[in-house]
Amino acid sequence: MLNLRRPLIMAGAMGALGLVATGLLGHILMGVFGCAGLLLGLLNTRLVQRSVSRATITENPSKRALAFSALGRLAIITVIAVGMAFIVRPDGLGVFVGLAVFQFIITASTAGTVVKELRQ
């Protein structure tokens, strides 16, 4: 299971940078929504870990159950993000920026762990 401490720290730093940058540009609310996107990404990653650990407890894990779990989770996150973006236009679009930045963070964190393991 991926340790989420490093991605959490990186997401916090990126959120703080985003708040400063958007504040300087006069769109602090976009930075707040960017932080919300980062939190949604972190929540999704944590729920993925919980779902996979629950599914792998059984002797024959169900691919179908994992697929439906992922579909439901992504649908809920998408509805939340689209709702934020639609209700608070244009600053609500920051939620998508936050989600995208978190995906970069989690991918970089995972790749770094894999590279470290391969070198040993």
N, C-alpha and C. Protein backbone atom coordinates (compact mmCIF):
# COMPACT_ATOMS: atom_id res chain seq x y z
N MET A 1 0.84 -1.17 0.00
CA MET A 1 0.00 0.00 0.00
C MET A 1 0.89 1.24 0.00
N LEU A 2 0.53 2.18 -0.83
CA LEU A 2 1.29 3.42 -0.98
C LEU A 2 1.13 4.29 0.25
N ASN A 3 2.25 4.74 0.79
CA ASN A 3 2.22 5.66 1.91
C ASN A 3 1.82 7.04 1.38
N LEU A 4 0.77 7.61 1.95
CA LEU A 4 0.24 8.87 1.43
C LEU A 4 0.85 10.10 2.12
N ARG A 5 1.86 9.89 2.96
CA ARG A 5 2.45 11.03 3.65
C ARG A 5 3.12 11.99 2.67
N ARG A 6 3.96 11.48 1.79
CA ARG A 6 4.66 12.33 0.82
C ARG A 6 3.69 13.04 -0.14
N PRO A 7 2.72 12.32 -0.73
CA PRO A 7 1.75 13.03 -1.59
C PRO A 7 0.95 14.08 -0.81
N LEU A 8 0.65 13.81 0.45
CA LEU A 8 -0.08 14.79 1.25
C LEU A 8 0.74 16.05 1.45
N ILE A 9 2.01 15.88 1.75
CA ILE A 9 2.90 17.04 1.93
C ILE A 9 3.04 17.82 0.62
N MET A 10 3.23 17.08 -0.48
CA MET A 10 3.37 17.74 -1.78
C MET A 10 2.08 18.47 -2.17
N ALA A 11 0.93 17.84 -1.90
CA ALA A 11 -0.35 18.48 -2.21
C ALA A 11 -0.55 19.73 -1.36
N GLY A 12 -0.14 19.68 -0.11
CA GLY A 12 -0.23 20.86 0.75
C GLY A 12 0.63 22.00 0.24
N ALA A 13 1.83 21.67 -0.19
CA ALA A 13 2.73 22.69 -0.72
C ALA A 13 2.18 23.28 -2.02
N MET A 14 1.67 22.42 -2.90
CA MET A 14 1.10 22.91 -4.16
C MET A 14 -0.16 23.73 -3.91
N GLY A 15 -0.95 23.32 -2.92
CA GLY A 15 -2.14 24.09 -2.57
C GLY A 15 -1.78 25.47 -2.06
N ALA A 16 -0.75 25.54 -1.20
CA ALA A 16 -0.31 26.84 -0.68
C ALA A 16 0.21 27.72 -1.81
N LEU A 17 1.01 27.14 -2.71
CA LEU A 17 1.51 27.90 -3.86
C LEU A 17 0.36 28.39 -4.74
N GLY A 18 -0.61 27.51 -4.94
CA GLY A 18 -1.77 27.89 -5.75
C GLY A 18 -2.56 29.02 -5.12
N LEU A 19 -2.73 28.96 -3.79
CA LEU A 19 -3.44 30.04 -3.10
C LEU A 19 -2.72 31.37 -3.24
N VAL A 20 -1.40 31.32 -3.09
CA VAL A 20 -0.61 32.56 -3.23
C VAL A 20 -0.71 33.10 -4.66
N ALA A 21 -0.52 32.22 -5.64
CA ALA A 21 -0.54 32.65 -7.04
C ALA A 21 -1.91 33.19 -7.44
N THR A 22 -2.97 32.48 -7.07
CA THR A 22 -4.30 32.96 -7.45
C THR A 22 -4.69 34.21 -6.66
N GLY A 23 -4.19 34.31 -5.44
CA GLY A 23 -4.44 35.52 -4.65
C GLY A 23 -3.80 36.74 -5.30
N LEU A 24 -2.57 36.56 -5.78
CA LEU A 24 -1.89 37.67 -6.45
C LEU A 24 -2.58 38.07 -7.75
N LEU A 25 -3.24 37.11 -8.37
CA LEU A 25 -3.96 37.39 -9.62
C LEU A 25 -5.39 37.86 -9.39
N GLY A 26 -5.80 37.92 -8.11
CA GLY A 26 -7.13 38.39 -7.79
C GLY A 26 -8.23 37.35 -7.88
N HIS A 27 -7.86 36.08 -7.89
CA HIS A 27 -8.85 34.99 -7.97
C HIS A 27 -8.59 33.97 -6.85
N ILE A 28 -8.56 34.44 -5.61
CA ILE A 28 -8.25 33.56 -4.48
C ILE A 28 -9.22 32.39 -4.40
N LEU A 29 -10.47 32.60 -4.81
CA LEU A 29 -11.46 31.53 -4.76
C LEU A 29 -11.07 30.37 -5.69
N MET A 30 -10.41 30.69 -6.79
CA MET A 30 -9.94 29.62 -7.67
C MET A 30 -8.88 28.78 -6.96
N GLY A 31 -8.05 29.42 -6.17
CA GLY A 31 -7.06 28.68 -5.38
C GLY A 31 -7.72 27.80 -4.34
N VAL A 32 -8.79 28.29 -3.74
CA VAL A 32 -9.53 27.48 -2.76
C VAL A 32 -10.12 26.25 -3.44
N PHE A 33 -10.68 26.44 -4.62
CA PHE A 33 -11.23 25.30 -5.35
C PHE A 33 -10.11 24.36 -5.83
N GLY A 34 -8.96 24.91 -6.14
CA GLY A 34 -7.81 24.06 -6.49
C GLY A 34 -7.43 23.17 -5.31
N CYS A 35 -7.45 23.74 -4.11
CA CYS A 35 -7.18 22.94 -2.91
C CYS A 35 -8.25 21.87 -2.71
N ALA A 36 -9.50 22.22 -3.03
CA ALA A 36 -10.58 21.23 -2.94
C ALA A 36 -10.33 20.08 -3.91
N GLY A 37 -9.84 20.40 -5.11
CA GLY A 37 -9.49 19.36 -6.08
C GLY A 37 -8.37 18.47 -5.58
N LEU A 38 -7.37 19.08 -4.95
CA LEU A 38 -6.28 18.29 -4.36
C LEU A 38 -6.82 17.34 -3.29
N LEU A 39 -7.73 17.83 -2.46
CA LEU A 39 -8.33 16.99 -1.42
C LEU A 39 -9.18 15.88 -2.02
N LEU A 40 -9.92 16.18 -3.09
CA LEU A 40 -10.70 15.14 -3.76
C LEU A 40 -9.78 14.05 -4.32
N GLY A 41 -8.66 14.45 -4.88
CA GLY A 41 -7.69 13.48 -5.40
C GLY A 41 -7.12 12.61 -4.30
N LEU A 42 -6.81 13.23 -3.17
CA LEU A 42 -6.29 12.48 -2.03
C LEU A 42 -7.35 11.51 -1.50
N LEU A 43 -8.58 11.98 -1.41
CA LEU A 43 -9.68 11.12 -0.96
C LEU A 43 -9.85 9.94 -1.91
N ASN A 44 -9.81 10.19 -3.20
CA ASN A 44 -9.94 9.11 -4.18
C ASN A 44 -8.83 8.07 -4.01
N THR A 45 -7.61 8.53 -3.83
CA THR A 45 -6.49 7.60 -3.67
C THR A 45 -6.66 6.75 -2.41
N ARG A 46 -7.10 7.37 -1.34
CA ARG A 46 -7.32 6.63 -0.09
C ARG A 46 -8.44 5.61 -0.26
N LEU A 47 -9.51 5.99 -0.95
CA LEU A 47 -10.61 5.06 -1.19
C LEU A 47 -10.20 3.91 -2.11
N VAL A 48 -9.32 4.19 -3.06
CA VAL A 48 -8.78 3.12 -3.93
C VAL A 48 -8.01 2.11 -3.08
N GLN A 49 -7.17 2.61 -2.20
CA GLN A 49 -6.39 1.72 -1.33
C GLN A 49 -7.32 0.85 -0.49
N ARG A 50 -8.34 1.46 0.08
CA ARG A 50 -9.26 0.70 0.93
C ARG A 50 -10.02 -0.35 0.12
N SER A 51 -10.44 0.02 -1.07
CA SER A 51 -11.18 -0.89 -1.93
C SER A 51 -10.33 -2.08 -2.34
N VAL A 52 -9.07 -1.81 -2.73
CA VAL A 52 -8.18 -2.89 -3.17
C VAL A 52 -7.82 -3.80 -2.00
N SER A 53 -7.55 -3.23 -0.84
CA SER A 53 -7.20 -4.07 0.31
C SER A 53 -8.39 -4.93 0.73
N ARG A 54 -9.59 -4.38 0.62
CA ARG A 54 -10.78 -5.16 0.94
C ARG A 54 -10.99 -6.30 -0.06
N ALA A 55 -10.74 -6.02 -1.34
CA ALA A 55 -10.96 -7.03 -2.38
C ALA A 55 -9.91 -8.13 -2.34
N THR A 56 -8.70 -7.79 -1.95
CA THR A 56 -7.63 -8.80 -1.97
C THR A 56 -7.60 -9.67 -0.72
N ILE A 57 -8.47 -9.41 0.23
CA ILE A 57 -8.56 -10.28 1.41
C ILE A 57 -9.09 -11.64 1.01
N THR A 58 -10.02 -11.65 0.06
CA THR A 58 -10.60 -12.92 -0.37
C THR A 58 -9.61 -13.70 -1.23
N GLU A 59 -9.87 -15.00 -1.32
CA GLU A 59 -8.97 -15.86 -2.09
C GLU A 59 -9.04 -15.57 -3.59
N ASN A 60 -10.23 -15.32 -4.10
CA ASN A 60 -10.43 -14.98 -5.51
C ASN A 60 -11.07 -13.60 -5.61
N PRO A 61 -10.25 -12.54 -5.68
CA PRO A 61 -10.84 -11.20 -5.74
C PRO A 61 -11.65 -10.99 -7.02
N SER A 62 -12.76 -10.31 -6.87
CA SER A 62 -13.66 -10.07 -7.99
C SER A 62 -13.24 -8.82 -8.76
N LYS A 63 -12.91 -9.02 -10.02
CA LYS A 63 -12.56 -7.88 -10.87
C LYS A 63 -13.79 -7.01 -11.11
N ARG A 64 -14.94 -7.64 -11.17
CA ARG A 64 -16.18 -6.91 -11.39
C ARG A 64 -16.48 -5.97 -10.22
N ALA A 65 -16.29 -6.47 -9.00
CA ALA A 65 -16.53 -5.63 -7.82
C ALA A 65 -15.58 -4.44 -7.79
N LEU A 66 -14.32 -4.68 -8.14
CA LEU A 66 -13.34 -3.58 -8.19
C LEU A 66 -13.73 -2.56 -9.26
N ALA A 67 -14.18 -3.05 -10.40
CA ALA A 67 -14.57 -2.15 -11.50
C ALA A 67 -15.76 -1.29 -11.09
N PHE A 68 -16.77 -1.90 -10.48
CA PHE A 68 -17.95 -1.12 -10.07
C PHE A 68 -17.61 -0.15 -8.94
N SER A 69 -16.71 -0.56 -8.08
CA SER A 69 -16.26 0.33 -7.01
C SER A 69 -15.58 1.57 -7.60
N ALA A 70 -14.70 1.33 -8.56
CA ALA A 70 -13.99 2.44 -9.22
C ALA A 70 -14.96 3.33 -9.97
N LEU A 71 -15.91 2.73 -10.67
CA LEU A 71 -16.90 3.50 -11.43
C LEU A 71 -17.73 4.39 -10.51
N GLY A 72 -18.19 3.84 -9.42
CA GLY A 72 -18.99 4.61 -8.47
C GLY A 72 -18.20 5.74 -7.84
N ARG A 73 -16.98 5.44 -7.44
CA ARG A 73 -16.11 6.44 -6.82
C ARG A 73 -15.81 7.59 -7.79
N LEU A 74 -15.47 7.26 -9.02
CA LEU A 74 -15.16 8.29 -10.00
C LEU A 74 -16.40 9.10 -10.38
N ALA A 75 -17.56 8.45 -10.40
CA ALA A 75 -18.80 9.16 -10.70
C ALA A 75 -19.10 10.20 -9.62
N ILE A 76 -18.93 9.80 -8.37
CA ILE A 76 -19.20 10.73 -7.26
C ILE A 76 -18.23 11.91 -7.30
N ILE A 77 -16.96 11.64 -7.50
CA ILE A 77 -15.97 12.72 -7.56
C ILE A 77 -16.23 13.63 -8.75
N THR A 78 -16.62 13.05 -9.87
CA THR A 78 -16.92 13.85 -11.05
C THR A 78 -18.13 14.75 -10.82
N VAL A 79 -19.17 14.21 -10.20
CA VAL A 79 -20.37 15.01 -9.92
C VAL A 79 -20.02 16.17 -8.98
N ILE A 80 -19.22 15.90 -7.96
CA ILE A 80 -18.81 16.95 -7.03
C ILE A 80 -18.01 18.03 -7.77
N ALA A 81 -17.04 17.60 -8.58
CA ALA A 81 -16.18 18.56 -9.30
C ALA A 81 -16.98 19.38 -10.30
N VAL A 82 -17.83 18.74 -11.07
CA VAL A 82 -18.63 19.46 -12.06
C VAL A 82 -19.60 20.41 -11.35
N GLY A 83 -20.16 19.97 -10.23
CA GLY A 83 -21.05 20.83 -9.47
C GLY A 83 -20.34 22.08 -8.99
N MET A 84 -19.14 21.91 -8.44
CA MET A 84 -18.36 23.07 -7.99
C MET A 84 -18.05 24.00 -9.15
N ALA A 85 -17.62 23.43 -10.25
CA ALA A 85 -17.24 24.23 -11.41
C ALA A 85 -18.45 24.97 -11.99
N PHE A 86 -19.60 24.33 -11.99
CA PHE A 86 -20.79 24.94 -12.57
C PHE A 86 -21.39 26.01 -11.67
N ILE A 87 -21.42 25.75 -10.38
CA ILE A 87 -22.06 26.69 -9.45
C ILE A 87 -21.23 27.96 -9.28
N VAL A 88 -19.92 27.83 -9.22
CA VAL A 88 -19.05 28.99 -8.98
C VAL A 88 -18.16 29.20 -10.20
N ARG A 89 -18.77 29.70 -11.28
CA ARG A 89 -18.00 29.96 -12.49
C ARG A 89 -17.36 31.32 -12.41
N PRO A 90 -16.21 31.58 -12.92
CA PRO A 90 -15.23 30.68 -13.51
C PRO A 90 -14.27 30.10 -12.48
N ASP A 91 -14.28 30.60 -11.24
CA ASP A 91 -13.28 30.16 -10.26
C ASP A 91 -13.43 28.69 -9.87
N GLY A 92 -14.63 28.15 -10.00
CA GLY A 92 -14.85 26.75 -9.66
C GLY A 92 -14.07 25.79 -10.53
N LEU A 93 -13.61 26.25 -11.68
CA LEU A 93 -12.79 25.40 -12.55
C LEU A 93 -11.47 25.02 -11.90
N GLY A 94 -11.10 25.73 -10.85
CA GLY A 94 -9.87 25.39 -10.12
C GLY A 94 -9.90 23.98 -9.56
N VAL A 95 -11.10 23.43 -9.32
CA VAL A 95 -11.18 22.07 -8.81
C VAL A 95 -10.57 21.08 -9.80
N PHE A 96 -10.75 21.32 -11.09
CA PHE A 96 -10.17 20.43 -12.10
C PHE A 96 -8.64 20.58 -12.16
N VAL A 97 -8.18 21.79 -11.95
CA VAL A 97 -6.73 22.01 -11.89
C VAL A 97 -6.15 21.24 -10.70
N GLY A 98 -6.83 21.33 -9.55
CA GLY A 98 -6.38 20.60 -8.37
C GLY A 98 -6.37 19.10 -8.57
N LEU A 99 -7.40 18.57 -9.21
CA LEU A 99 -7.44 17.13 -9.50
C LEU A 99 -6.29 16.73 -10.43
N ALA A 100 -6.04 17.53 -11.45
CA ALA A 100 -4.96 17.23 -12.39
C ALA A 100 -3.60 17.30 -11.71
N VAL A 101 -3.40 18.31 -10.88
CA VAL A 101 -2.12 18.44 -10.17
C VAL A 101 -1.94 17.25 -9.23
N PHE A 102 -3.01 16.83 -8.56
CA PHE A 102 -2.86 15.69 -7.66
C PHE A 102 -2.51 14.42 -8.44
N GLN A 103 -3.07 14.24 -9.61
CA GLN A 103 -2.72 13.06 -10.41
C GLN A 103 -1.23 13.08 -10.77
N PHE A 104 -0.71 14.24 -11.08
CA PHE A 104 0.72 14.36 -11.34
C PHE A 104 1.51 14.01 -10.09
N ILE A 105 1.09 14.51 -8.94
CA ILE A 105 1.78 14.24 -7.67
C ILE A 105 1.79 12.75 -7.36
N ILE A 106 0.64 12.11 -7.47
CA ILE A 106 0.56 10.69 -7.11
C ILE A 106 1.33 9.83 -8.10
N THR A 107 1.33 10.22 -9.38
CA THR A 107 2.09 9.48 -10.38
C THR A 107 3.59 9.62 -10.13
N ALA A 108 4.03 10.84 -9.84
CA ALA A 108 5.45 11.07 -9.56
C ALA A 108 5.88 10.34 -8.30
N SER A 109 5.03 10.34 -7.29
CA SER A 109 5.35 9.67 -6.03
C SER A 109 5.46 8.15 -6.24
N THR A 110 4.52 7.61 -6.98
CA THR A 110 4.54 6.16 -7.25
C THR A 110 5.74 5.80 -8.12
N ALA A 111 6.01 6.59 -9.14
CA ALA A 111 7.16 6.31 -10.01
C ALA A 111 8.46 6.39 -9.23
N GLY A 112 8.57 7.36 -8.34
CA GLY A 112 9.77 7.48 -7.52
C GLY A 112 9.99 6.25 -6.65
N THR A 113 8.91 5.72 -6.09
CA THR A 113 9.00 4.52 -5.26
C THR A 113 9.42 3.32 -6.11
N VAL A 114 8.87 3.19 -7.29
CA VAL A 114 9.20 2.07 -8.17
C VAL A 114 10.66 2.14 -8.61
N VAL A 115 11.12 3.32 -8.99
CA VAL A 115 12.51 3.48 -9.42
C VAL A 115 13.47 3.14 -8.27
N LYS A 116 13.12 3.57 -7.08
CA LYS A 116 13.94 3.27 -5.90
C LYS A 116 14.03 1.76 -5.67
N GLU A 117 12.92 1.06 -5.83
CA GLU A 117 12.90 -0.39 -5.65
C GLU A 117 13.70 -1.10 -6.75
N LEU A 118 13.62 -0.60 -7.97
CA LEU A 118 14.34 -1.23 -9.07
C LEU A 118 15.85 -1.07 -8.92
N ARG A 119 16.29 0.01 -8.33
CA ARG A 119 17.73 0.24 -8.16
C ARG A 119 18.34 -0.65 -7.09
N GLN A 120 17.52 -1.16 -6.20
CA GLN A 120 18.05 -2.00 -5.10
C GLN A 120 18.24 -3.43 -5.50
